[in-house]
Amino acid sequence: QLIQTLRDEEQQLTEDIQSAKNSINELESKLHFLK
C-alpha cells in the first residue's frame, strides 16, 4: 500500500513538474514576444 501511495504521489509530482515546465515555456514565449 505504501509503495502504491508513493507511486501515485510520484505520478502526481511528475504531472505537476510537466505542467510547470509547460507554464515556463509559455511564459518565456510571451516574454520573448513582449521583449
PDB file of all heavy atoms in Angstrom:
ATOM      1  N   GLN A   1       0.840  -1.206   0.000  1.00  0.00           N
ATOM      2  CA  GLN A   1       0.000   0.000   0.000  1.00  0.00           C
ATOM      3  C   GLN A   1       0.873   1.253   0.000  1.00  0.00           C
ATOM      4  O   GLN A   1       0.585   2.215  -0.725  1.00  0.00           O
ATOM      5  CB  GLN A   1      -0.921   0.026   1.218  1.00  0.00           C
ATOM      6  CG  GLN A   1      -2.097  -0.897   1.126  1.00  0.00           C
ATOM      7  CD  GLN A   1      -2.960  -0.826   2.382  1.00  0.00           C
ATOM      8  OE1 GLN A   1      -2.480  -0.543   3.476  1.00  0.00           O
ATOM      9  NE2 GLN A   1      -4.253  -1.080   2.213  1.00  0.00           N
ATOM     10  N   LEU A   2       1.923   1.234   0.809  1.00  0.00           N
ATOM     11  CA  LEU A   2       2.833   2.378   0.873  1.00  0.00           C
ATOM     12  C   LEU A   2       3.492   2.615  -0.485  1.00  0.00           C
ATOM     13  O   LEU A   2       3.559   3.756  -0.958  1.00  0.00           O
ATOM     14  CB  LEU A   2       3.897   2.149   1.944  1.00  0.00           C
ATOM     15  CG  LEU A   2       4.988   3.215   2.062  1.00  0.00           C
ATOM     16  CD1 LEU A   2       4.383   4.556   2.460  1.00  0.00           C
ATOM     17  CD2 LEU A   2       6.055   2.785   3.062  1.00  0.00           C
ATOM     18  N   ILE A   3       3.952   1.544  -1.117  1.00  0.00           N
ATOM     19  CA  ILE A   3       4.581   1.669  -2.437  1.00  0.00           C
ATOM     20  C   ILE A   3       3.597   2.246  -3.444  1.00  0.00           C
ATOM     21  O   ILE A   3       3.952   3.143  -4.223  1.00  0.00           O
ATOM     22  CB  ILE A   3       5.135   0.296  -2.910  1.00  0.00           C
ATOM     23  CG1 ILE A   3       6.348  -0.093  -2.058  1.00  0.00           C
ATOM     24  CG2 ILE A   3       5.489   0.326  -4.392  1.00  0.00           C
ATOM     25  CD1 ILE A   3       6.831  -1.514  -2.278  1.00  0.00           C
ATOM     26  N   GLN A   4       2.358   1.765  -3.426  1.00  0.00           N
ATOM     27  CA  GLN A   4       1.357   2.281  -4.366  1.00  0.00           C
ATOM     28  C   GLN A   4       1.082   3.762  -4.110  1.00  0.00           C
ATOM     29  O   GLN A   4       0.971   4.560  -5.043  1.00  0.00           O
ATOM     30  CB  GLN A   4       0.051   1.475  -4.278  1.00  0.00           C
ATOM     31  CG  GLN A   4      -0.968   1.850  -5.321  1.00  0.00           C
ATOM     32  CD  GLN A   4      -0.438   1.676  -6.745  1.00  0.00           C
ATOM     33  OE1 GLN A   4       0.155   0.667  -7.079  1.00  0.00           O
ATOM     34  NE2 GLN A   4      -0.631   2.690  -7.572  1.00  0.00           N
ATOM     35  N   THR A   5       0.992   4.133  -2.833  1.00  0.00           N
ATOM     36  CA  THR A   5       0.774   5.538  -2.484  1.00  0.00           C
ATOM     37  C   THR A   5       1.937   6.396  -2.977  1.00  0.00           C
ATOM     38  O   THR A   5       1.730   7.480  -3.545  1.00  0.00           O
ATOM     39  CB  THR A   5       0.609   5.693  -0.960  1.00  0.00           C
ATOM     40  OG1 THR A   5      -0.487   4.888  -0.532  1.00  0.00           O
ATOM     41  CG2 THR A   5       0.373   7.135  -0.568  1.00  0.00           C
ATOM     42  N   LEU A   6       3.161   5.909  -2.784  1.00  0.00           N
ATOM     43  CA  LEU A   6       4.333   6.654  -3.253  1.00  0.00           C
ATOM     44  C   LEU A   6       4.357   6.751  -4.778  1.00  0.00           C
ATOM     45  O   LEU A   6       4.728   7.797  -5.330  1.00  0.00           O
ATOM     46  CB  LEU A   6       5.614   5.997  -2.730  1.00  0.00           C
ATOM     47  CG  LEU A   6       5.852   6.122  -1.226  1.00  0.00           C
ATOM     48  CD1 LEU A   6       7.045   5.279  -0.798  1.00  0.00           C
ATOM     49  CD2 LEU A   6       6.039   7.569  -0.818  1.00  0.00           C
ATOM     50  N   ARG A   7       3.954   5.699  -5.471  1.00  0.00           N
ATOM     51  CA  ARG A   7       3.893   5.743  -6.942  1.00  0.00           C
ATOM     52  C   ARG A   7       2.851   6.763  -7.408  1.00  0.00           C
ATOM     53  O   ARG A   7       3.093   7.514  -8.357  1.00  0.00           O
ATOM     54  CB  ARG A   7       3.561   4.365  -7.509  1.00  0.00           C
ATOM     55  CG  ARG A   7       4.730   3.422  -7.488  1.00  0.00           C
ATOM     56  CD  ARG A   7       4.390   2.088  -8.110  1.00  0.00           C
ATOM     57  NE  ARG A   7       5.543   1.203  -8.053  1.00  0.00           N
ATOM     58  CZ  ARG A   7       5.477  -0.099  -8.078  1.00  0.00           C
ATOM     59  NH1 ARG A   7       4.308  -0.712  -8.159  1.00  0.00           N
ATOM     60  NH2 ARG A   7       6.571  -0.830  -8.025  1.00  0.00           N
ATOM     61  N   ASP A   8       1.696   6.764  -6.730  1.00  0.00           N
ATOM     62  CA  ASP A   8       0.659   7.741  -7.077  1.00  0.00           C
ATOM     63  C   ASP A   8       1.168   9.170  -6.851  1.00  0.00           C
ATOM     64  O   ASP A   8       0.957  10.061  -7.675  1.00  0.00           O
ATOM     65  CB  ASP A   8      -0.613   7.508  -6.249  1.00  0.00           C
ATOM     66  CG  ASP A   8      -1.314   6.207  -6.595  1.00  0.00           C
ATOM     67  OD1 ASP A   8      -1.011   5.620  -7.662  1.00  0.00           O
ATOM     68  OD2 ASP A   8      -2.167   5.763  -5.789  1.00  0.00           O
ATOM     69  N   GLU A   9       1.848   9.361  -5.735  1.00  0.00           N
ATOM     70  CA  GLU A   9       2.397  10.677  -5.423  1.00  0.00           C
ATOM     71  C   GLU A   9       3.458  11.069  -6.457  1.00  0.00           C
ATOM     72  O   GLU A   9       3.507  12.224  -6.906  1.00  0.00           O
ATOM     73  CB  GLU A   9       3.001  10.663  -4.016  1.00  0.00           C
ATOM     74  CG  GLU A   9       3.433  12.015  -3.519  1.00  0.00           C
ATOM     75  CD  GLU A   9       3.935  11.969  -2.084  1.00  0.00           C
ATOM     76  OE1 GLU A   9       3.472  11.108  -1.314  1.00  0.00           O
ATOM     77  OE2 GLU A   9       4.788  12.808  -1.758  1.00  0.00           O
ATOM     78  N   GLU A  10       4.292  10.110  -6.822  1.00  0.00           N
ATOM     79  CA  GLU A  10       5.317  10.370  -7.851  1.00  0.00           C
ATOM     80  C   GLU A  10       4.659  10.780  -9.171  1.00  0.00           C
ATOM     81  O   GLU A  10       5.100  11.721  -9.827  1.00  0.00           O
ATOM     82  CB  GLU A  10       6.184   9.122  -8.060  1.00  0.00           C
ATOM     83  CG  GLU A  10       7.230   9.283  -9.151  1.00  0.00           C
ATOM     84  CD  GLU A  10       7.928   7.975  -9.492  1.00  0.00           C
ATOM     85  OE1 GLU A  10       7.347   6.902  -9.254  1.00  0.00           O
ATOM     86  OE2 GLU A  10       9.035   8.050 -10.030  1.00  0.00           O
ATOM     87  N   GLN A  11       3.608  10.057  -9.545  1.00  0.00           N
ATOM     88  CA  GLN A  11       2.887  10.375 -10.785  1.00  0.00           C
ATOM     89  C   GLN A  11       2.319  11.790 -10.731  1.00  0.00           C
ATOM     90  O   GLN A  11       2.432  12.554 -11.689  1.00  0.00           O
ATOM     91  CB  GLN A  11       1.761   9.355 -11.016  1.00  0.00           C
ATOM     92  CG  GLN A  11       0.938   9.600 -12.250  1.00  0.00           C
ATOM     93  CD  GLN A  11       1.747   9.426 -13.527  1.00  0.00           C
ATOM     94  OE1 GLN A  11       2.655   8.609 -13.585  1.00  0.00           O
ATOM     95  NE2 GLN A  11       1.421  10.208 -14.544  1.00  0.00           N
ATOM     96  N   GLN A  12       1.730  12.141  -9.581  1.00  0.00           N
ATOM     97  CA  GLN A  12       1.167  13.488  -9.421  1.00  0.00           C
ATOM     98  C   GLN A  12       2.264  14.545  -9.506  1.00  0.00           C
ATOM     99  O   GLN A  12       2.100  15.572 -10.171  1.00  0.00           O
ATOM    100  CB  GLN A  12       0.422  13.599  -8.086  1.00  0.00           C
ATOM    101  CG  GLN A  12      -0.273  14.922  -7.882  1.00  0.00           C
ATOM    102  CD  GLN A  12      -1.334  15.187  -8.940  1.00  0.00           C
ATOM    103  OE1 GLN A  12      -2.137  14.324  -9.242  1.00  0.00           O
ATOM    104  NE2 GLN A  12      -1.324  16.387  -9.509  1.00  0.00           N
ATOM    105  N   LEU A  13       3.398  14.297  -8.864  1.00  0.00           N
ATOM    106  CA  LEU A  13       4.509  15.249  -8.909  1.00  0.00           C
ATOM    107  C   LEU A  13       5.074  15.371 -10.326  1.00  0.00           C
ATOM    108  O   LEU A  13       5.415  16.477 -10.770  1.00  0.00           O
ATOM    109  CB  LEU A  13       5.608  14.838  -7.931  1.00  0.00           C
ATOM    110  CG  LEU A  13       5.276  15.001  -6.442  1.00  0.00           C
ATOM    111  CD1 LEU A  13       6.376  14.386  -5.579  1.00  0.00           C
ATOM    112  CD2 LEU A  13       5.071  16.456  -6.090  1.00  0.00           C
ATOM    113  N   THR A  14       5.151  14.258 -11.034  1.00  0.00           N
ATOM    114  CA  THR A  14       5.623  14.284 -12.420  1.00  0.00           C
ATOM    115  C   THR A  14       4.688  15.137 -13.277  1.00  0.00           C
ATOM    116  O   THR A  14       5.149  15.943 -14.098  1.00  0.00           O
ATOM    117  CB  THR A  14       5.720  12.850 -12.990  1.00  0.00           C
ATOM    118  OG1 THR A  14       6.617  12.091 -12.164  1.00  0.00           O
ATOM    119  CG2 THR A  14       6.206  12.841 -14.413  1.00  0.00           C
ATOM    120  N   GLU A  15       3.382  14.953 -13.071  1.00  0.00           N
ATOM    121  CA  GLU A  15       2.405  15.762 -13.810  1.00  0.00           C
ATOM    122  C   GLU A  15       2.529  17.238 -13.438  1.00  0.00           C
ATOM    123  O   GLU A  15       2.469  18.110 -14.318  1.00  0.00           O
ATOM    124  CB  GLU A  15       0.989  15.256 -13.543  1.00  0.00           C
ATOM    125  CG  GLU A  15       0.693  13.916 -14.162  1.00  0.00           C
ATOM    126  CD  GLU A  15      -0.651  13.340 -13.751  1.00  0.00           C
ATOM    127  OE1 GLU A  15      -1.427  14.046 -13.048  1.00  0.00           O
ATOM    128  OE2 GLU A  15      -0.931  12.184 -14.102  1.00  0.00           O
ATOM    129  N   ASP A  16       2.735  17.523 -12.152  1.00  0.00           N
ATOM    130  CA  ASP A  16       2.909  18.913 -11.710  1.00  0.00           C
ATOM    131  C   ASP A  16       4.167  19.528 -12.312  1.00  0.00           C
ATOM    132  O   ASP A  16       4.166  20.690 -12.748  1.00  0.00           O
ATOM    133  CB  ASP A  16       2.971  18.992 -10.178  1.00  0.00           C
ATOM    134  CG  ASP A  16       1.639  18.686  -9.510  1.00  0.00           C
ATOM    135  OD1 ASP A  16       0.605  18.646 -10.215  1.00  0.00           O
ATOM    136  OD2 ASP A  16       1.629  18.474  -8.269  1.00  0.00           O
ATOM    137  N   ILE A  17       5.246  18.765 -12.363  1.00  0.00           N
ATOM    138  CA  ILE A  17       6.504  19.248 -12.959  1.00  0.00           C
ATOM    139  C   ILE A  17       6.301  19.533 -14.439  1.00  0.00           C
ATOM    140  O   ILE A  17       6.742  20.579 -14.950  1.00  0.00           O
ATOM    141  CB  ILE A  17       7.648  18.231 -12.729  1.00  0.00           C
ATOM    142  CG1 ILE A  17       8.041  18.207 -11.248  1.00  0.00           C
ATOM    143  CG2 ILE A  17       8.855  18.547 -13.614  1.00  0.00           C
ATOM    144  CD1 ILE A  17       8.981  17.078 -10.862  1.00  0.00           C
ATOM    145  N   GLN A  18       5.632  18.623 -15.130  1.00  0.00           N
ATOM    146  CA  GLN A  18       5.386  18.829 -16.563  1.00  0.00           C
ATOM    147  C   GLN A  18       4.518  20.061 -16.797  1.00  0.00           C
ATOM    148  O   GLN A  18       4.772  20.861 -17.704  1.00  0.00           O
ATOM    149  CB  GLN A  18       4.728  17.588 -17.192  1.00  0.00           C
ATOM    150  CG  GLN A  18       4.627  17.639 -18.690  1.00  0.00           C
ATOM    151  CD  GLN A  18       6.004  17.775 -19.349  1.00  0.00           C
ATOM    152  OE1 GLN A  18       6.957  17.111 -18.971  1.00  0.00           O
ATOM    153  NE2 GLN A  18       6.100  18.667 -20.321  1.00  0.00           N
ATOM    154  N   SER A  19       3.518  20.241 -15.946  1.00  0.00           N
ATOM    155  CA  SER A  19       2.658  21.416 -16.054  1.00  0.00           C
ATOM    156  C   SER A  19       3.462  22.688 -15.805  1.00  0.00           C
ATOM    157  O   SER A  19       3.303  23.695 -16.510  1.00  0.00           O
ATOM    158  CB  SER A  19       1.505  21.298 -15.048  1.00  0.00           C
ATOM    159  OG  SER A  19       0.711  22.447 -15.065  1.00  0.00           O
ATOM    160  N   ALA A  20       4.355  22.658 -14.810  1.00  0.00           N
ATOM    161  CA  ALA A  20       5.199  23.821 -14.520  1.00  0.00           C
ATOM    162  C   ALA A  20       6.135  24.117 -15.690  1.00  0.00           C
ATOM    163  O   ALA A  20       6.344  25.282 -16.063  1.00  0.00           O
ATOM    164  CB  ALA A  20       5.993  23.586 -13.239  1.00  0.00           C
ATOM    165  N   LYS A  21       6.696  23.065 -16.303  1.00  0.00           N
ATOM    166  CA  LYS A  21       7.572  23.255 -17.476  1.00  0.00           C
ATOM    167  C   LYS A  21       6.798  23.886 -18.627  1.00  0.00           C
ATOM    168  O   LYS A  21       7.301  24.797 -19.304  1.00  0.00           O
ATOM    169  CB  LYS A  21       8.172  21.919 -17.923  1.00  0.00           C
ATOM    170  CG  LYS A  21       9.299  21.426 -17.056  1.00  0.00           C
ATOM    171  CD  LYS A  21       9.854  20.106 -17.583  1.00  0.00           C
ATOM    172  CE  LYS A  21      10.984  19.586 -16.731  1.00  0.00           C
ATOM    173  NZ  LYS A  21      11.504  18.305 -17.232  1.00  0.00           N
ATOM    174  N   ASN A  22       5.583  23.399 -18.831  1.00  0.00           N
ATOM    175  CA  ASN A  22       4.746  23.972 -19.898  1.00  0.00           C
ATOM    176  C   ASN A  22       4.449  25.443 -19.614  1.00  0.00           C
ATOM    177  O   ASN A  22       4.496  26.287 -20.529  1.00  0.00           O
ATOM    178  CB  ASN A  22       3.441  23.190 -20.051  1.00  0.00           C
ATOM    179  CG  ASN A  22       3.658  21.800 -20.618  1.00  0.00           C
ATOM    180  OD1 ASN A  22       4.680  21.528 -21.236  1.00  0.00           O
ATOM    181  ND2 ASN A  22       2.698  20.923 -20.395  1.00  0.00           N
ATOM    182  N   SER A  23       4.150  25.769 -18.365  1.00  0.00           N
ATOM    183  CA  SER A  23       3.888  27.161 -17.985  1.00  0.00           C
ATOM    184  C   SER A  23       5.135  28.018 -18.202  1.00  0.00           C
ATOM    185  O   SER A  23       5.052  29.148 -18.722  1.00  0.00           O
ATOM    186  CB  SER A  23       3.455  27.268 -16.534  1.00  0.00           C
ATOM    187  OG  SER A  23       2.208  26.660 -16.345  1.00  0.00           O
ATOM    188  N   ILE A  24       6.286  27.504 -17.818  1.00  0.00           N
ATOM    189  CA  ILE A  24       7.546  28.233 -18.014  1.00  0.00           C
ATOM    190  C   ILE A  24       7.781  28.493 -19.493  1.00  0.00           C
ATOM    191  O   ILE A  24       8.132  29.618 -19.898  1.00  0.00           O
ATOM    192  CB  ILE A  24       8.732  27.464 -17.382  1.00  0.00           C
ATOM    193  CG1 ILE A  24       8.630  27.505 -15.856  1.00  0.00           C
ATOM    194  CG2 ILE A  24      10.071  28.026 -17.851  1.00  0.00           C
ATOM    195  CD1 ILE A  24       9.595  26.594 -15.139  1.00  0.00           C
ATOM    196  N   ASN A  25       7.607  27.459 -20.321  1.00  0.00           N
ATOM    197  CA  ASN A  25       7.803  27.619 -21.767  1.00  0.00           C
ATOM    198  C   ASN A  25       6.839  28.667 -22.324  1.00  0.00           C
ATOM    199  O   ASN A  25       7.217  29.513 -23.154  1.00  0.00           O
ATOM    200  CB  ASN A  25       7.628  26.293 -22.502  1.00  0.00           C
ATOM    201  CG  ASN A  25       8.781  25.340 -22.254  1.00  0.00           C
ATOM    202  OD1 ASN A  25       9.891  25.775 -21.931  1.00  0.00           O
ATOM    203  ND2 ASN A  25       8.522  24.048 -22.414  1.00  0.00           N
ATOM    204  N   GLU A  26       5.587  28.601 -21.880  1.00  0.00           N
ATOM    205  CA  GLU A  26       4.584  29.559 -22.352  1.00  0.00           C
ATOM    206  C   GLU A  26       4.945  30.985 -21.921  1.00  0.00           C
ATOM    207  O   GLU A  26       4.875  31.930 -22.713  1.00  0.00           O
ATOM    208  CB  GLU A  26       3.214  29.166 -21.808  1.00  0.00           C
ATOM    209  CG  GLU A  26       2.072  29.974 -22.360  1.00  0.00           C
ATOM    210  CD  GLU A  26       0.745  29.504 -21.798  1.00  0.00           C
ATOM    211  OE1 GLU A  26       0.492  28.281 -21.768  1.00  0.00           O
ATOM    212  OE2 GLU A  26      -0.027  30.384 -21.377  1.00  0.00           O
ATOM    213  N   LEU A  27       5.372  31.132 -20.651  1.00  0.00           N
ATOM    214  CA  LEU A  27       5.746  32.451 -20.143  1.00  0.00           C
ATOM    215  C   LEU A  27       7.012  32.976 -20.830  1.00  0.00           C
ATOM    216  O   LEU A  27       7.114  34.168 -21.125  1.00  0.00           O
ATOM    217  CB  LEU A  27       5.937  32.410 -18.630  1.00  0.00           C
ATOM    218  CG  LEU A  27       4.657  32.222 -17.814  1.00  0.00           C
ATOM    219  CD1 LEU A  27       4.990  31.986 -16.339  1.00  0.00           C
ATOM    220  CD2 LEU A  27       3.747  33.425 -17.968  1.00  0.00           C
ATOM    221  N   GLU A  28       7.973  32.089 -21.100  1.00  0.00           N
ATOM    222  CA  GLU A  28       9.180  32.506 -21.827  1.00  0.00           C
ATOM    223  C   GLU A  28       8.827  32.969 -23.238  1.00  0.00           C
ATOM    224  O   GLU A  28       9.387  33.951 -23.733  1.00  0.00           O
ATOM    225  CB  GLU A  28      10.208  31.364 -21.875  1.00  0.00           C
ATOM    226  CG  GLU A  28      10.961  31.172 -20.571  1.00  0.00           C
ATOM    227  CD  GLU A  28      11.946  30.006 -20.626  1.00  0.00           C
ATOM    228  OE1 GLU A  28      11.888  29.176 -21.561  1.00  0.00           O
ATOM    229  OE2 GLU A  28      12.777  29.930 -19.704  1.00  0.00           O
ATOM    230  N   SER A  29       7.902  32.228 -23.845  1.00  0.00           N
ATOM    231  CA  SER A  29       7.464  32.623 -25.186  1.00  0.00           C
ATOM    232  C   SER A  29       6.808  34.001 -25.151  1.00  0.00           C
ATOM    233  O   SER A  29       7.080  34.868 -26.001  1.00  0.00           O
ATOM    234  CB  SER A  29       6.503  31.577 -25.733  1.00  0.00           C
ATOM    235  OG  SER A  29       6.012  31.951 -26.982  1.00  0.00           O
ATOM    236  N   LYS A  30       5.942  34.261 -24.183  1.00  0.00           N
ATOM    237  CA  LYS A  30       5.290  35.562 -24.031  1.00  0.00           C
ATOM    238  C   LYS A  30       6.318  36.652 -23.742  1.00  0.00           C
ATOM    239  O   LYS A  30       6.237  37.776 -24.277  1.00  0.00           O
ATOM    240  CB  LYS A  30       4.240  35.525 -22.922  1.00  0.00           C
ATOM    241  CG  LYS A  30       2.973  34.811 -23.288  1.00  0.00           C
ATOM    242  CD  LYS A  30       1.968  34.870 -22.159  1.00  0.00           C
ATOM    243  CE  LYS A  30       0.699  34.127 -22.534  1.00  0.00           C
ATOM    244  NZ  LYS A  30      -0.292  34.144 -21.458  1.00  0.00           N
ATOM    245  N   LEU A  31       7.318  36.299 -22.879  1.00  0.00           N
ATOM    246  CA  LEU A  31       8.361  37.253 -22.546  1.00  0.00           C
ATOM    247  C   LEU A  31       9.159  37.636 -23.785  1.00  0.00           C
ATOM    248  O   LEU A  31       9.449  38.809 -24.009  1.00  0.00           O
ATOM    249  CB  LEU A  31       9.280  36.689 -21.463  1.00  0.00           C
ATOM    250  CG  LEU A  31      10.415  37.599 -20.983  1.00  0.00           C
ATOM    251  CD1 LEU A  31       9.856  38.844 -20.315  1.00  0.00           C
ATOM    252  CD2 LEU A  31      11.334  36.847 -20.048  1.00  0.00           C
ATOM    253  N   HIS A  32       9.479  36.644 -24.610  1.00  0.00           N
ATOM    254  CA  HIS A  32      10.187  36.901 -25.868  1.00  0.00           C
ATOM    255  C   HIS A  32       9.367  37.836 -26.749  1.00  0.00           C
ATOM    256  O   HIS A  32       9.893  38.804 -27.320  1.00  0.00           O
ATOM    257  CB  HIS A  32      10.430  35.584 -26.605  1.00  0.00           C
ATOM    258  CG  HIS A  32      11.845  35.181 -26.743  1.00  0.00           C
ATOM    259  ND1 HIS A  32      12.898  35.985 -26.426  1.00  0.00           N
ATOM    260  CD2 HIS A  32      12.382  34.023 -27.201  1.00  0.00           C
ATOM    261  CE1 HIS A  32      14.010  35.360 -26.658  1.00  0.00           C
ATOM    262  NE2 HIS A  32      13.724  34.135 -27.140  1.00  0.00           N
ATOM    263  N   PHE A  33       8.095  37.504 -26.849  1.00  0.00           N
ATOM    264  CA  PHE A  33       7.201  38.327 -27.677  1.00  0.00           C
ATOM    265  C   PHE A  33       7.144  39.753 -27.148  1.00  0.00           C
ATOM    266  O   PHE A  33       7.256  40.733 -27.892  1.00  0.00           O
ATOM    267  CB  PHE A  33       5.806  37.696 -27.722  1.00  0.00           C
ATOM    268  CG  PHE A  33       4.790  38.550 -28.391  1.00  0.00           C
ATOM    269  CD1 PHE A  33       4.748  38.653 -29.788  1.00  0.00           C
ATOM    270  CD2 PHE A  33       3.882  39.307 -27.643  1.00  0.00           C
ATOM    271  CE1 PHE A  33       3.820  39.474 -30.403  1.00  0.00           C
ATOM    272  CE2 PHE A  33       2.949  40.117 -28.271  1.00  0.00           C
ATOM    273  CZ  PHE A  33       2.909  40.204 -29.655  1.00  0.00           C
ATOM    274  N   LEU A  34       6.980  39.881 -25.801  1.00  0.00           N
ATOM    275  CA  LEU A  34       6.891  41.210 -25.202  1.00  0.00           C
ATOM    276  C   LEU A  34       8.199  41.988 -25.353  1.00  0.00           C
ATOM    277  O   LEU A  34       8.186  43.196 -25.630  1.00  0.00           O
ATOM    278  CB  LEU A  34       6.496  41.110 -23.731  1.00  0.00           C
ATOM    279  CG  LEU A  34       5.055  40.672 -23.453  1.00  0.00           C
ATOM    280  CD1 LEU A  34       4.836  40.462 -21.954  1.00  0.00           C
ATOM    281  CD2 LEU A  34       4.074  41.714 -23.989  1.00  0.00           C
ATOM    282  N   LYS A  35       9.334  41.307 -25.205  1.00  0.00           N
ATOM    283  CA  LYS A  35      10.624  41.970 -25.377  1.00  0.00           C
ATOM    284  C   LYS A  35      10.762  42.495 -26.806  1.00  0.00           C
ATOM    285  O   LYS A  35      11.192  43.629 -27.019  1.00  0.00           O
ATOM    286  CB  LYS A  35      11.781  41.003 -25.059  1.00  0.00           C
ATOM    287  CG  LYS A  35      12.081  40.857 -23.608  1.00  0.00           C
ATOM    288  CD  LYS A  35      13.295  39.946 -23.421  1.00  0.00           C
ATOM    289  CE  LYS A  35      13.642  39.760 -21.977  1.00  0.00           C
ATOM    290  NZ  LYS A  35      14.818  38.889 -21.817  1.00  0.00           N
TER     291      LYS A  35
END
